Structure formats: C-alpha cells, structure tokens
C-alpha atoms as a PDB file:
ATOM      1  CA  MET A   1       0.000   0.000   0.000  1.00  0.00           C
ATOM      2  CA  VAL A   2       1.300   3.461  -0.804  1.00  0.00           C
ATOM      3  CA  PHE A   3       0.114   6.696   0.719  1.00  0.00           C
ATOM      4  CA  THR A   4       1.092   9.812  -1.140  1.00  0.00           C
ATOM      5  CA  GLY A   5       0.055  13.345  -0.490  1.00  0.00           C
ATOM      6  CA  HIS A   6       0.330  16.122   2.019  1.00  0.00           C
ATOM      7  CA  ILE A   7       0.016  13.456   4.706  1.00  0.00           C
ATOM      8  CA  MET A   8       2.727  14.450   7.111  1.00  0.00           C
ATOM      9  CA  LYS A   9       2.133  18.198   6.809  1.00  0.00           C
ATOM     10  CA  HIS A  10      -0.321  18.127   9.679  1.00  0.00           C
ATOM     11  CA  LEU A  11       1.570  15.524  11.666  1.00  0.00           C
ATOM     12  CA  ILE A  12       5.124  16.835  11.674  1.00  0.00           C
ATOM     13  CA  GLY A  13       4.966  20.142   9.837  1.00  0.00           C
ATOM     14  CA  LEU A  14       6.138  19.124   6.367  1.00  0.00           C
ATOM     15  CA  ARG A  15       4.839  21.512   3.740  1.00  0.00           C
ATOM     16  CA  HIS A  16       5.547  19.781   0.449  1.00  0.00           C
ATOM     17  CA  LEU A  17       4.405  16.675  -1.333  1.00  0.00           C
ATOM     18  CA  GLN A  18       5.397  13.526   0.551  1.00  0.00           C
ATOM     19  CA  PHE A  19       5.643   9.873  -0.386  1.00  0.00           C
ATOM     20  CA  PHE A  20       5.191   7.095   2.156  1.00  0.00           C
ATOM     21  CA  SER A  21       4.800   3.395   1.723  1.00  0.00           C
ATOM     22  CA  GLY A  22       3.724   0.659   4.051  1.00  0.00           C
ATOM     23  CA  HIS A  23       1.230  -0.743   6.474  1.00  0.00           C
ATOM     24  CA  PRO A  24      -0.629   1.858   8.566  1.00  0.00           C
ATOM     25  CA  ASN A  25       0.423   0.159  11.836  1.00  0.00           C
ATOM     26  CA  LEU A  26       3.550  -1.748  10.865  1.00  0.00           C
ATOM     27  CA  ALA A  27       5.865  -0.179  13.449  1.00  0.00           C
ATOM     28  CA  ASN A  28       3.719  -1.339  16.356  1.00  0.00           C
ATOM     29  CA  GLN A  29       3.337  -4.814  14.909  1.00  0.00           C
ATOM     30  CA  TRP A  30       7.109  -5.346  14.836  1.00  0.00           C
ATOM     31  CA  SER A  31       8.161  -3.289  17.851  1.00  0.00           C
ATOM     32  CA  ASP A  32       8.639  -4.652  21.354  1.00  0.00           C
ATOM     33  CA  ASP A  33       7.340  -1.299  22.633  1.00  0.00           C
ATOM     34  CA  LYS A  34       3.682  -1.604  21.663  1.00  0.00           C
ATOM     35  CA  ASP A  35       1.706   1.566  20.985  1.00  0.00           C
ATOM     36  CA  VAL A  36       4.805   3.785  20.855  1.00  0.00           C
ATOM     37  CA  TYR A  37       4.193   4.724  17.228  1.00  0.00           C
ATOM     38  CA  PRO A  38       0.988   6.182  15.779  1.00  0.00           C
ATOM     39  CA  ASN A  39      -1.476   3.546  14.640  1.00  0.00           C
ATOM     40  CA  PHE A  40      -3.092   5.089  11.596  1.00  0.00           C
ATOM     41  CA  THR A  41      -6.006   2.688  11.827  1.00  0.00           C
ATOM     42  CA  GLN A  42      -7.207   4.540  14.948  1.00  0.00           C
ATOM     43  CA  LYS A  43      -9.606   7.462  14.592  1.00  0.00           C
ATOM     44  CA  LYS A  44      -7.591   9.762  16.886  1.00  0.00           C
ATOM     45  CA  TYR A  45      -4.734   9.785  14.353  1.00  0.00           C
ATOM     46  CA  LEU A  46      -6.954  10.162  11.310  1.00  0.00           C
ATOM     47  CA  THR A  47      -8.618  13.461  12.255  1.00  0.00           C
ATOM     48  CA  LYS A  48      -5.497  15.308  11.076  1.00  0.00           C
ATOM     49  CA  PHE A  49      -6.178  14.099   7.536  1.00  0.00           C
ATOM     50  CA  LYS A  50      -9.317  16.240   7.104  1.00  0.00           C
ATOM     51  CA  ASP A  51      -9.165  17.964   3.695  1.00  0.00           C
ATOM     52  CA  VAL A  52      -5.824  16.287   2.883  1.00  0.00           C
ATOM     53  CA  SER A  53      -5.393  14.850  -0.608  1.00  0.00           C
ATOM     54  CA  ILE A  54      -4.031  11.297  -0.569  1.00  0.00           C
ATOM     55  CA  PHE A  55      -3.141   8.972  -3.432  1.00  0.00           C
ATOM     56  CA  ILE A  56      -3.172   5.242  -2.659  1.00  0.00           C
ATOM     57  CA  PHE A  57      -2.441   2.364  -4.978  1.00  0.00           C
ATOM     58  CA  HIS A  58      -2.511  -1.278  -4.007  1.00  0.00           C
ATOM     59  CA  GLY A  59      -2.139  -4.610  -5.738  1.00  0.00           C
ATOM     60  CA  LYS A  60      -5.002  -6.967  -4.915  1.00  0.00           C
ATOM     61  CA  GLU A  61      -2.573  -9.901  -4.641  1.00  0.00           C
ATOM     62  CA  ASP A  62      -0.324  -8.175  -2.061  1.00  0.00           C
ATOM     63  CA  ARG A  63       0.470 -10.611   0.745  1.00  0.00           C
ATOM     64  CA  ASN A  64       2.674  -8.221   2.749  1.00  0.00           C
ATOM     65  CA  CYS A  65      -0.067  -5.684   3.372  1.00  0.00           C
ATOM     66  CA  LEU A  66      -3.453  -7.248   2.817  1.00  0.00           C
ATOM     67  CA  PHE A  67      -5.828  -5.556   0.397  1.00  0.00           C
ATOM     68  CA  GLU A  68      -8.506  -5.536   3.110  1.00  0.00           C
ATOM     69  CA  THR A  69      -6.195  -3.475   5.347  1.00  0.00           C
ATOM     70  CA  THR A  70      -5.982  -0.866   2.606  1.00  0.00           C
ATOM     71  CA  THR A  71      -9.715  -0.709   1.947  1.00  0.00           C
ATOM     72  CA  ASN A  72     -10.358  -0.392   5.692  1.00  0.00           C
ATOM     73  CA  ILE A  73      -7.921   2.492   6.103  1.00  0.00           C
ATOM     74  CA  ILE A  74      -9.331   4.222   3.026  1.00  0.00           C
ATOM     75  CA  GLU A  75     -12.822   4.052   4.485  1.00  0.00           C
ATOM     76  CA  LYS A  76     -11.528   5.506   7.761  1.00  0.00           C
ATOM     77  CA  LEU A  77      -9.599   8.246   5.971  1.00  0.00           C
ATOM     78  CA  GLU A  78     -12.657   9.219   3.926  1.00  0.00           C
ATOM     79  CA  ASN A  79     -14.806   9.239   7.077  1.00  0.00           C
ATOM     80  CA  ALA A  80     -12.214  11.571   8.622  1.00  0.00           C
ATOM     81  CA  GLY A  81     -12.605  13.943   5.656  1.00  0.00           C
ATOM     82  CA  ALA A  82      -9.571  13.010   3.560  1.00  0.00           C
ATOM     83  CA  ASN A  83      -9.759  13.268  -0.234  1.00  0.00           C
ATOM     84  CA  VAL A  84      -8.584   9.821  -1.319  1.00  0.00           C
ATOM     85  CA  LYS A  85      -7.735   8.766  -4.869  1.00  0.00           C
ATOM     86  CA  PHE A  86      -7.516   4.953  -4.858  1.00  0.00           C
ATOM     87  CA  ILE A  87      -6.128   2.845  -7.680  1.00  0.00           C
ATOM     88  CA  THR A  88      -6.401  -0.943  -7.581  1.00  0.00           C
ATOM     89  CA  GLU A  89      -4.161  -3.201  -9.612  1.00  0.00           C
ATOM     90  CA  GLU A  90      -5.943  -6.537  -9.963  1.00  0.00           C
ATOM     91  CA  ASN A  91      -3.025  -8.873 -10.730  1.00  0.00           C
ATOM     92  CA  LYS A  92      -0.282  -7.106  -8.766  1.00  0.00           C
ATOM     93  CA  GLY A  93       1.245  -8.070  -5.468  1.00  0.00           C
ATOM     94  CA  HIS A  94       3.685  -6.085  -3.339  1.00  0.00           C
ATOM     95  CA  GLU A  95       5.499  -4.459  -6.239  1.00  0.00           C
ATOM     96  CA  PRO A  96       5.871  -1.139  -8.071  1.00  0.00           C
ATOM     97  CA  PRO A  97       2.847   0.244  -9.911  1.00  0.00           C
ATOM     98  CA  ASP A  98       2.248  -0.328 -13.599  1.00  0.00           C
ATOM     99  CA  GLU A  99       2.610   2.406 -16.209  1.00  0.00           C
ATOM    100  CA  GLU A 100      -1.086   3.341 -16.165  1.00  0.00           C
ATOM    101  CA  THR A 101      -1.046   3.843 -12.383  1.00  0.00           C
ATOM    102  CA  VAL A 102       2.070   6.002 -12.670  1.00  0.00           C
ATOM    103  CA  LYS A 103       0.272   8.171 -15.263  1.00  0.00           C
ATOM    104  CA  GLU A 104      -2.712   8.484 -12.919  1.00  0.00           C
ATOM    105  CA  TYR A 105      -0.361   9.401 -10.092  1.00  0.00           C
ATOM    106  CA  TYR A 106       1.266  12.205 -12.112  1.00  0.00           C
ATOM    107  CA  LYS A 107      -2.140  13.490 -13.148  1.00  0.00           C
ATOM    108  CA  TRP A 108      -3.195  13.460  -9.481  1.00  0.00           C
ATOM    109  CA  VAL A 109      -0.004  15.297  -8.427  1.00  0.00           C
ATOM    110  CA  ASN A 110      -0.561  18.035 -11.026  1.00  0.00           C
ATOM    111  CA  THR A 111      -4.201  18.451 -10.043  1.00  0.00           C
ATOM    112  CA  THR A 112      -3.411  18.444  -6.326  1.00  0.00           C
ATOM    113  CA  LEU A 113      -0.585  20.970  -6.591  1.00  0.00           C
ATOM    114  CA  ASN A 114      -2.604  23.256  -8.887  1.00  0.00           C
ATOM    115  CA  ASN A 115      -5.524  23.202  -6.427  1.00  0.00           C
ATOM    116  CA  LYS A 116      -3.228  24.182  -3.505  1.00  0.00           C
ATOM    117  CA  LYS A 117      -2.163  27.488  -5.078  1.00  0.00           C
END
C-alpha cells in the first residue's frame, strides 16, 4: 500500500508533497514497545487528515499488506474527511505500480498541486 500526499504536513509540519509506503500500523506490529508509534487505523490519528489529498495504490494480490487493510484504512480516511484517490491493480502483489497507475499518479499530483495554489 502506498500513501502519497500532504500526509505528514499536519503531523510533523512538512509543507511539500510527501511519499510514504507501508502498512498503517507496521511499526507497532514489529516493535517490542507496543503503541509507541501512531497507529493510523485509529480514529484519533486520522482526524489530522481532514481535507488532505491522498493517493493510494494497491495490488489486490499483495500478501505483505493485505488488500482488506488498505480498503479499511481508506474508508476511515474518507470518514475523517480526507480526499482519497484509490487505484487498484488486480493482478499485482507487493510491487511497483504499472505504467497506467504512474500516469494516474502524475495526473493526481498536477491536479493536487494546482488546487493548492
């Protein structure tokens, strides 16, 4: 799963386009210190995403980050007021996006940046 957008602007003060990849709660799943890192599946962390544009692509065959995890976080982000663009790649696993998704991503970036002016 890939999250792209002005995600971290509200969380740590970044003011430009950011790119992040991974499971929304991976750090806590692998850390011995549970609940040290933000769990982006919890509502209290998602309120900061209100009116934030986010691009997410995910391969349906991904076994590292289950497709259901992505659809659940998207629903929570949208309920929190995020503007989510979601692209599904039917026959992809945990791998880079195909050419069509990359084109959609660049179109989304141009639209998002032009709307922020």
